[in-house]
């Protein structure tokens, strides 16, 4: 079964840190484009960070730039999203998505964070709640 499973969400205090995981089963993430997205209640889904696993290039949203890191562990077939200095505005359901095609590939990884970019697989999401 081909699927992505997110984990690592939960309740975190403002200013704290968390690390979300996105593990793939049934396929390899090693050369895929992976995106992390989030959706808060009443808001549209937005991109948080994207990575091209083939070369490690990354892109971050303005809201996450400087306080988050997207990374991958090919041995674990997992992509991580580390978020530091979390804010109440980070409260949302976080999803990861994978683009597995070798062609066409986005020329620039920021294109994978565009709302129109079509991913092949999505995870079920993990809730992150920032509250004291």
Foldseek 3Di string as FASTA:
>chain_A
DWAWAKDWADEAAAQAKTKMKIATPPDAQQQKKKWKWWDDPPGDIATAKIAGNPVGDMDGDPVQPPFWDWDDDRVRSMIMIMGGRDDQVVWTWMKMFIADDPPPDDPHSVVCRDPPRDTDHMHPTDTHGYHD
